[in-house]
Amino acid sequence: MTITHAYDSSSRWSFGKSSRSSSQLIILPSAKMRTKTSARHSRARATAVAPVLMTSDVPATEREGTALAETQSDRLGVSILNSTARLTHWDMEFQNWEKGVDQGQKRESSSGVGSTLRNTRNTVQMLVKVISARGVTSMVDLPCGDWNWMSKAITQFPHVKYTGMDLSPTLIARNAKKFPSYDFVVHDIVMDMLPKEVDLVLNRDMLFHVPPSQGLKALRNIAASGSHYLLSTTFPNSKNEKVVAEASDGGAIWYPINLNGHPFNLPPALSMYAESEGQGKSMGLWDLRDPQLRAAVGLLGDGTTGLNAQAAALHYTALKQLALFLIFAVLLALFLIFAVSRRQCRRRAVQAQIFAKARPRIFRRGRYPCL
């Protein structure tokens, strides 16, 4: 059993339906959060709701040509979720569930209805298929949540080296104590690259809890680790437009994410598996080494991240200009050498002709090719 600190959103949090119109995106900005003690956590207060633009309200010309979409959420007016607010939200979500103070009802899992045994039946069957078909021997589960369903499923993969990762330190400490045979790591995938290379990264019910730009960062950090496959939640028929933030503390949002749609633009999945919950929710399997996927998340072929892509492009342009300058300088130098040599040759030849008039037998024209 290992606990290390180094991940994102605690996972499958279930949101209720919004009473707002689906054509309007709303966001609750983060309140000031204090994280030193649980008592201080409870002092957080939500701020006012502010309407902002939908993706469909942004001109098409503005949406085109943004493969990285680094500022997609900013342009839509979505507040970038503060890492402290996300940590506080998911840690308190778990603590309240563990204490039984959980939205006025007792839930089977702190991760929400998406992590009940009933709603993960297809998920377990899908994992068995993927692990067997792809020869998986190592796996990272992020976010691992409270292990409600994985604790029942993991016994089917005794040969797989499993590591569970989550944003909540309280949840990770509880999992490590309750399941000492497995490794659990505190890690924020939005902020940091995945610390290890594995055969399979399971990223279930997480990306739709953060704005698209942060979702892209998480995908980029996963792909940059060199891991082979990604199994992640997606809604194939969604347009990534109906985004509604409902966490009153500003620590999470929810929307039906489509990883094939803008701004993620991932290539078609190798396989698509329907989840037990229905409503179009699926799990897609992608090859993280696919050049098209790496380009979509902002990774160049040499591993340079999208955050440094502009600097890399400028560096390449500067090297190209330097190479052209050196080629021009070499050609100019060769021309000058030729011109000077030809001039000197003519001068010697003229002198030789003068000498030849006096001694014609000694003068040889072939020795002066410049004539």
Protein backbone atom coordinates (compact mmCIF):
# COMPACT_ATOMS: atom_id res chain seq x y z
CA MET A 1 0.00 0.00 0.00
CA THR A 2 1.37 3.34 -1.02
CA ILE A 3 0.07 6.87 -0.55
CA THR A 4 1.74 9.63 -2.49
CA HIS A 5 0.83 13.23 -3.13
CA ALA A 6 1.10 14.32 -6.52
CA TYR A 7 -4.56 14.20 -9.33
CA ASP A 8 -8.04 15.55 -10.61
CA SER A 9 -11.61 15.72 -9.75
CA SER A 10 -12.84 13.03 -7.47
CA SER A 11 -15.04 11.63 -10.21
CA ARG A 12 -18.59 10.64 -10.68
CA TRP A 13 -20.56 13.41 -9.04
CA SER A 14 -24.23 13.41 -10.04
CA PHE A 15 -25.91 16.75 -10.73
CA GLY A 16 -29.64 17.39 -10.83
CA LYS A 17 -31.32 18.90 -13.85
CA SER A 18 -31.17 22.65 -14.16
CA SER A 19 -34.31 24.74 -14.18
CA ARG A 20 -32.58 27.10 -16.57
CA SER A 21 -33.15 27.08 -20.31
CA SER A 22 -30.75 24.78 -22.16
CA SER A 23 -29.85 27.66 -24.48
CA GLN A 24 -28.20 29.53 -21.65
CA LEU A 25 -24.90 28.73 -19.98
CA ILE A 26 -24.58 29.73 -16.36
CA ILE A 27 -21.62 29.67 -14.04
CA LEU A 28 -21.18 30.10 -10.35
CA PRO A 29 -17.80 31.76 -9.76
CA SER A 30 -15.64 30.25 -7.03
CA ALA A 31 -16.11 31.55 -3.52
CA LYS A 32 -13.03 32.13 -1.40
CA MET A 33 -12.14 28.72 -0.08
CA ARG A 34 -10.07 27.91 2.99
CA THR A 35 -8.54 24.47 3.14
CA LYS A 36 -6.72 24.25 6.49
CA THR A 37 -9.52 22.61 8.44
CA SER A 38 -12.95 21.09 7.83
CA ALA A 39 -14.51 23.88 9.88
CA ARG A 40 -13.03 26.46 7.58
CA HIS A 41 -14.29 24.56 4.56
CA SER A 42 -17.86 25.11 5.71
CA ARG A 43 -17.45 28.89 5.61
CA ALA A 44 -17.43 28.96 1.81
CA ARG A 45 -20.34 30.82 0.26
CA ALA A 46 -21.62 30.79 -3.33
CA THR A 47 -21.74 33.99 -5.34
CA ALA A 48 -24.40 35.21 -7.76
CA VAL A 49 -25.31 33.41 -10.96
CA ALA A 50 -24.22 35.17 -14.14
CA PRO A 51 -25.42 34.27 -17.66
CA VAL A 52 -22.78 33.92 -20.35
CA LEU A 53 -22.49 32.95 -24.00
CA MET A 54 -23.05 29.53 -25.46
CA THR A 55 -20.69 27.93 -27.99
CA SER A 56 -23.38 28.45 -30.62
CA ASP A 57 -23.29 32.21 -29.92
CA VAL A 58 -19.64 32.43 -30.95
CA PRO A 59 -19.12 33.10 -34.69
CA ALA A 60 -17.98 30.06 -36.65
CA THR A 61 -14.92 31.93 -37.90
CA GLU A 62 -13.83 32.45 -34.32
CA ARG A 63 -14.26 28.76 -33.51
CA GLU A 64 -12.28 27.51 -36.51
CA GLY A 65 -8.55 26.88 -36.49
CA THR A 66 -8.24 26.38 -32.74
CA ALA A 67 -6.96 22.81 -32.45
CA LEU A 68 -5.63 23.40 -28.96
CA ALA A 69 -8.61 25.55 -27.90
CA GLU A 70 -6.57 26.65 -24.91
CA THR A 71 -8.81 29.67 -24.30
CA GLN A 72 -12.08 28.07 -25.38
CA SER A 73 -13.65 28.31 -21.95
CA ASP A 74 -12.42 31.85 -21.45
CA ARG A 75 -14.01 33.02 -24.72
CA LEU A 76 -17.31 31.43 -23.66
CA GLY A 77 -17.19 33.25 -20.37
CA VAL A 78 -16.73 30.12 -18.25
CA SER A 79 -14.67 30.78 -15.15
CA ILE A 80 -11.58 28.58 -14.97
CA LEU A 81 -12.12 26.42 -11.91
CA ASN A 82 -9.55 27.25 -9.29
CA SER A 83 -7.57 24.18 -8.19
CA THR A 84 -8.23 25.04 -4.54
CA ALA A 85 -11.98 25.27 -5.20
CA ARG A 86 -11.95 21.89 -6.98
CA LEU A 87 -9.97 20.29 -4.17
CA THR A 88 -12.26 21.75 -1.51
CA HIS A 89 -15.42 20.72 -3.35
CA TRP A 90 -14.49 17.08 -3.89
CA ASP A 91 -12.88 16.64 -0.49
CA MET A 92 -15.99 18.03 1.22
CA GLU A 93 -18.21 15.95 -1.06
CA PHE A 94 -16.51 12.79 0.20
CA GLN A 95 -16.36 13.90 3.84
CA ASN A 96 -20.07 14.73 3.90
CA TRP A 97 -20.91 11.36 2.34
CA GLU A 98 -18.74 9.52 4.85
CA LYS A 99 -20.40 11.37 7.76
CA GLY A 100 -23.86 10.66 6.38
CA VAL A 101 -24.50 14.37 5.74
CA ASP A 102 -25.04 13.90 2.03
CA GLN A 103 -27.57 16.17 0.29
CA GLY A 104 -30.27 14.96 2.67
CA GLN A 105 -30.07 11.35 1.52
CA LYS A 106 -27.85 8.31 1.82
CA ARG A 107 -26.10 7.44 -1.42
CA GLU A 108 -24.48 4.11 -2.22
CA SER A 109 -21.34 5.86 -3.45
CA SER A 110 -19.84 9.28 -2.73
CA SER A 111 -19.16 9.49 -6.44
CA GLY A 112 -22.86 9.56 -7.29
CA VAL A 113 -25.37 7.39 -9.12
CA GLY A 114 -22.89 6.74 -11.93
CA SER A 115 -20.79 4.63 -9.57
CA THR A 116 -23.45 2.34 -8.14
CA LEU A 117 -23.07 -1.38 -8.72
CA ARG A 118 -26.17 -1.35 -10.91
CA ASN A 119 -24.92 1.42 -13.18
CA THR A 120 -21.43 -0.05 -13.58
CA ARG A 121 -22.39 -3.55 -14.77
CA ASN A 122 -21.51 -2.68 -18.36
CA THR A 123 -18.38 -0.89 -17.18
CA VAL A 124 -16.98 -4.03 -15.56
CA GLN A 125 -17.74 -6.15 -18.63
CA MET A 126 -16.13 -3.50 -20.83
CA LEU A 127 -12.98 -3.44 -18.69
CA VAL A 128 -12.66 -7.23 -18.91
CA LYS A 129 -12.89 -7.03 -22.72
CA VAL A 130 -10.39 -4.18 -23.06
CA ILE A 131 -7.84 -5.65 -20.64
CA SER A 132 -8.01 -9.05 -22.35
CA ALA A 133 -8.04 -7.79 -25.95
CA ARG A 134 -5.26 -5.19 -25.48
CA GLY A 135 -2.97 -7.23 -23.23
CA VAL A 136 -3.11 -4.69 -20.39
CA THR A 137 -0.75 -5.39 -17.48
CA SER A 138 -0.71 -1.95 -15.82
CA MET A 139 -3.53 0.51 -15.25
CA VAL A 140 -4.20 3.93 -13.73
CA ASP A 141 -7.75 4.69 -12.59
CA LEU A 142 -8.32 8.41 -12.36
CA PRO A 143 -10.35 9.47 -10.60
CA CYS A 144 -10.73 6.27 -8.60
CA GLY A 145 -13.47 7.63 -6.33
CA ASP A 146 -14.48 5.67 -3.24
CA TRP A 147 -13.89 2.31 -4.99
CA ASN A 148 -17.53 1.28 -4.61
CA TRP A 149 -17.64 -0.72 -7.85
CA MET A 150 -13.93 -1.13 -8.62
CA SER A 151 -13.44 -3.06 -5.37
CA LYS A 152 -15.75 -5.73 -6.82
CA ALA A 153 -14.30 -5.60 -10.34
CA ILE A 154 -10.56 -5.58 -9.60
CA THR A 155 -10.58 -9.25 -8.58
CA GLN A 156 -11.16 -10.12 -12.23
CA PHE A 157 -7.76 -8.60 -13.16
CA PRO A 158 -5.27 -10.25 -10.75
CA HIS A 159 -2.37 -9.80 -13.19
CA VAL A 160 -2.92 -6.05 -13.66
CA LYS A 161 -0.80 -3.59 -11.68
CA TYR A 162 -3.45 -1.12 -10.49
CA THR A 163 -2.96 2.46 -9.23
CA GLY A 164 -5.90 4.57 -8.10
CA MET A 165 -5.60 8.35 -8.30
CA ASP A 166 -7.87 11.10 -7.03
CA LEU A 167 -7.87 14.75 -6.07
CA SER A 168 -9.22 14.24 -2.54
CA PRO A 169 -6.56 13.49 0.11
CA THR A 170 -9.23 12.33 2.56
CA LEU A 171 -10.64 9.84 0.06
CA ILE A 172 -7.20 8.51 -0.91
CA ALA A 173 -6.25 8.02 2.76
CA ARG A 174 -9.49 6.12 3.36
CA ASN A 175 -8.97 3.90 0.27
CA ALA A 176 -5.37 3.15 1.20
CA LYS A 177 -6.43 2.10 4.69
CA LYS A 178 -9.39 0.04 3.52
CA PHE A 179 -7.62 -1.61 0.55
CA PRO A 180 -3.94 -1.92 1.60
CA SER A 181 -3.03 -4.30 -1.23
CA TYR A 182 -3.36 -1.55 -3.85
CA ASP A 183 -1.60 1.75 -4.50
CA PHE A 184 -3.47 5.05 -4.20
CA VAL A 185 -2.08 8.44 -5.15
CA VAL A 186 -3.27 12.01 -4.59
CA HIS A 187 -2.94 13.68 -7.98
CA ASP A 188 -4.46 16.61 -9.92
CA ILE A 189 -4.38 15.65 -13.59
CA VAL A 190 -5.43 19.14 -14.70
CA MET A 191 -2.35 20.65 -13.08
CA ASP A 192 0.24 17.89 -13.45
CA MET A 193 1.31 15.26 -15.96
CA LEU A 194 0.53 11.65 -15.20
CA PRO A 195 3.59 10.48 -13.21
CA LYS A 196 3.87 7.05 -14.80
CA GLU A 197 3.51 5.27 -18.15
CA VAL A 198 0.91 2.51 -18.13
CA ASP A 199 -0.93 0.32 -20.62
CA LEU A 200 -4.37 1.73 -19.81
CA VAL A 201 -5.67 4.98 -18.30
CA LEU A 202 -9.27 4.72 -17.09
CA ASN A 203 -10.74 8.23 -16.93
CA ARG A 204 -14.40 7.71 -16.09
CA ASP A 205 -16.82 10.54 -15.20
CA MET A 206 -14.26 13.27 -14.66
CA LEU A 207 -13.69 15.50 -17.69
CA PHE A 208 -17.30 16.74 -17.75
CA HIS A 209 -16.81 18.26 -14.29
CA VAL A 210 -14.25 20.85 -15.50
CA PRO A 211 -14.39 23.49 -18.28
CA PRO A 212 -13.26 22.38 -21.78
CA SER A 213 -9.87 24.14 -21.57
CA GLN A 214 -9.04 22.30 -18.34
CA GLY A 215 -10.34 19.07 -19.87
CA LEU A 216 -7.86 19.57 -22.71
CA LYS A 217 -5.07 20.11 -20.22
CA ALA A 218 -5.99 16.87 -18.47
CA LEU A 219 -6.02 14.96 -21.78
CA ARG A 220 -2.69 16.50 -22.72
CA ASN A 221 -1.13 15.51 -19.40
CA ILE A 222 -2.42 11.96 -19.84
CA ALA A 223 -1.13 11.65 -23.42
CA ALA A 224 2.25 13.19 -22.53
CA SER A 225 2.91 10.37 -20.06
CA GLY A 226 3.57 7.92 -22.90
CA SER A 227 0.73 5.62 -21.80
CA HIS A 228 -0.87 3.46 -24.49
CA TYR A 229 -4.66 3.48 -24.20
CA LEU A 230 -7.28 5.87 -22.81
CA LEU A 231 -10.73 4.68 -21.77
CA SER A 232 -12.85 7.76 -21.08
CA THR A 233 -16.45 8.91 -20.73
CA THR A 234 -18.05 10.52 -23.78
CA PHE A 235 -21.51 11.35 -25.11
CA PRO A 236 -21.17 10.77 -28.90
CA ASN A 237 -24.29 12.78 -29.79
CA SER A 238 -23.52 15.81 -27.64
CA LYS A 239 -22.28 19.14 -29.04
CA ASN A 240 -20.45 20.36 -25.92
CA GLU A 241 -22.83 23.33 -25.72
CA LYS A 242 -25.25 22.69 -22.86
CA VAL A 243 -22.88 23.39 -20.00
CA VAL A 244 -24.48 24.13 -16.62
CA ALA A 245 -22.53 24.75 -13.41
CA GLU A 246 -24.52 23.64 -10.39
CA ALA A 247 -21.96 23.25 -7.59
CA SER A 248 -22.78 26.10 -5.22
CA ASP A 249 -19.17 26.31 -4.02
CA GLY A 250 -17.87 26.88 -7.54
CA GLY A 251 -15.74 23.72 -7.46
CA ALA A 252 -17.33 21.71 -10.28
CA ILE A 253 -19.56 21.87 -13.34
CA TRP A 254 -21.35 19.26 -15.42
CA TYR A 255 -22.11 18.91 -19.12
CA PRO A 256 -22.55 15.95 -21.53
CA ILE A 257 -19.04 15.89 -22.98
CA ASN A 258 -18.29 14.69 -26.50
CA LEU A 259 -14.57 14.02 -26.94
CA ASN A 260 -14.96 13.82 -30.72
CA GLY A 261 -16.51 17.30 -30.82
CA HIS A 262 -15.07 20.78 -30.60
CA PRO A 263 -12.88 21.80 -28.83
CA PHE A 264 -11.45 18.31 -28.09
CA ASN A 265 -11.59 16.96 -31.65
CA LEU A 266 -10.27 13.49 -30.80
CA PRO A 267 -10.21 11.02 -33.72
CA PRO A 268 -12.85 8.26 -33.87
CA ALA A 269 -12.51 5.84 -30.94
CA LEU A 270 -11.05 2.38 -31.52
CA SER A 271 -14.11 1.01 -29.70
CA MET A 272 -17.21 2.52 -28.14
CA TYR A 273 -19.06 0.89 -25.23
CA ALA A 274 -22.51 1.90 -23.98
CA GLU A 275 -22.81 2.54 -20.25
CA SER A 276 -25.62 1.08 -18.11
CA GLU A 277 -26.99 4.53 -17.27
CA GLY A 278 -28.22 5.11 -20.83
CA GLN A 279 -28.91 8.65 -22.16
CA GLY A 280 -26.11 8.22 -24.70
CA LYS A 281 -23.39 7.92 -22.08
CA SER A 282 -20.55 5.75 -23.36
CA MET A 283 -16.93 4.83 -22.78
CA GLY A 284 -14.57 5.34 -25.71
CA LEU A 285 -11.20 3.64 -26.18
CA TRP A 286 -8.43 5.69 -27.82
CA ASP A 287 -4.81 5.00 -28.69
CA LEU A 288 -2.82 7.75 -26.94
CA ARG A 289 0.05 7.24 -29.40
CA ASP A 290 -2.13 8.09 -32.41
CA PRO A 291 -0.55 11.20 -34.07
CA GLN A 292 -4.01 12.62 -34.78
CA LEU A 293 -4.98 12.39 -31.11
CA ARG A 294 -1.67 13.88 -29.97
CA ALA A 295 -2.12 16.78 -32.35
CA ALA A 296 -5.70 17.32 -31.13
CA VAL A 297 -4.60 17.67 -27.50
CA GLY A 298 -1.64 19.87 -28.40
CA LEU A 299 1.27 17.46 -28.42
CA LEU A 300 3.84 17.69 -31.19
CA GLY A 301 5.66 14.64 -32.51
CA ASP A 302 8.72 15.32 -30.36
CA GLY A 303 6.68 15.44 -27.18
CA THR A 304 6.58 19.25 -26.95
CA THR A 305 3.33 20.26 -25.30
CA GLY A 306 0.76 22.53 -26.84
CA LEU A 307 1.53 25.15 -24.18
CA ASN A 308 5.00 25.48 -25.77
CA ALA A 309 3.90 24.92 -29.37
CA GLN A 310 4.10 28.61 -30.24
CA ALA A 311 7.59 28.89 -28.77
CA ALA A 312 8.63 25.74 -30.63
CA ALA A 313 7.26 27.15 -33.89
CA LEU A 314 9.13 30.41 -33.37
CA HIS A 315 12.29 28.46 -32.59
CA TYR A 316 11.88 26.43 -35.78
CA THR A 317 11.29 29.59 -37.83
CA ALA A 318 14.41 31.22 -36.36
CA LEU A 319 16.52 28.13 -37.16
CA LYS A 320 15.11 28.06 -40.69
CA GLN A 321 15.95 31.73 -41.22
CA LEU A 322 19.44 31.19 -39.81
CA ALA A 323 20.00 28.25 -42.16
CA LEU A 324 18.89 30.34 -45.17
CA PHE A 325 21.19 33.16 -44.10
CA LEU A 326 24.16 30.78 -43.81
CA ILE A 327 23.44 29.31 -47.24
CA PHE A 328 23.27 32.82 -48.72
CA ALA A 329 26.52 33.80 -46.98
CA VAL A 330 28.33 30.71 -48.30
CA LEU A 331 27.10 31.33 -51.86
CA LEU A 332 28.14 35.00 -51.65
CA ALA A 333 31.58 34.02 -50.37
CA LEU A 334 32.02 31.52 -53.22
CA PHE A 335 30.99 34.17 -55.75
CA LEU A 336 33.45 36.69 -54.35
CA ILE A 337 36.26 34.11 -54.33
CA PHE A 338 35.48 33.24 -57.95
CA ALA A 339 35.32 36.90 -58.99
CA VAL A 340 38.61 37.76 -57.30
CA SER A 341 40.33 34.67 -58.69
CA ARG A 342 39.13 35.43 -62.23
CA ARG A 343 40.35 39.02 -61.97
CA GLN A 344 43.76 37.92 -60.77
CA CYS A 345 43.89 35.33 -63.53
CA ARG A 346 43.17 37.97 -66.19
CA ARG A 347 45.83 40.27 -64.77
CA ARG A 348 48.44 37.53 -64.90
CA ALA A 349 47.33 36.56 -68.39
CA VAL A 350 47.70 40.13 -69.67
CA GLN A 351 51.19 40.27 -68.21
CA ALA A 352 51.95 36.92 -69.81
CA GLN A 353 50.76 38.14 -73.24
CA ILE A 354 53.09 41.10 -73.01
CA PHE A 355 55.87 38.72 -72.15
CA ALA A 356 54.81 36.37 -74.97
CA LYS A 357 55.39 39.00 -77.60
CA ALA A 358 58.99 38.93 -76.63
CA ARG A 359 59.18 35.15 -76.14
CA PRO A 360 56.26 33.50 -78.01
CA ARG A 361 57.55 29.95 -77.57
CA ILE A 362 57.41 30.16 -73.77
CA PHE A 363 53.77 31.47 -73.54
CA ARG A 364 51.15 28.72 -73.19
CA ARG A 365 47.52 29.85 -73.51
CA GLY A 366 46.11 26.78 -71.77
CA ARG A 367 47.61 27.86 -68.48
CA TYR A 368 45.18 30.83 -68.36
CA PRO A 369 41.60 29.51 -68.62
CA CYS A 370 40.22 32.97 -67.90
CA LEU A 371 41.24 34.17 -71.36
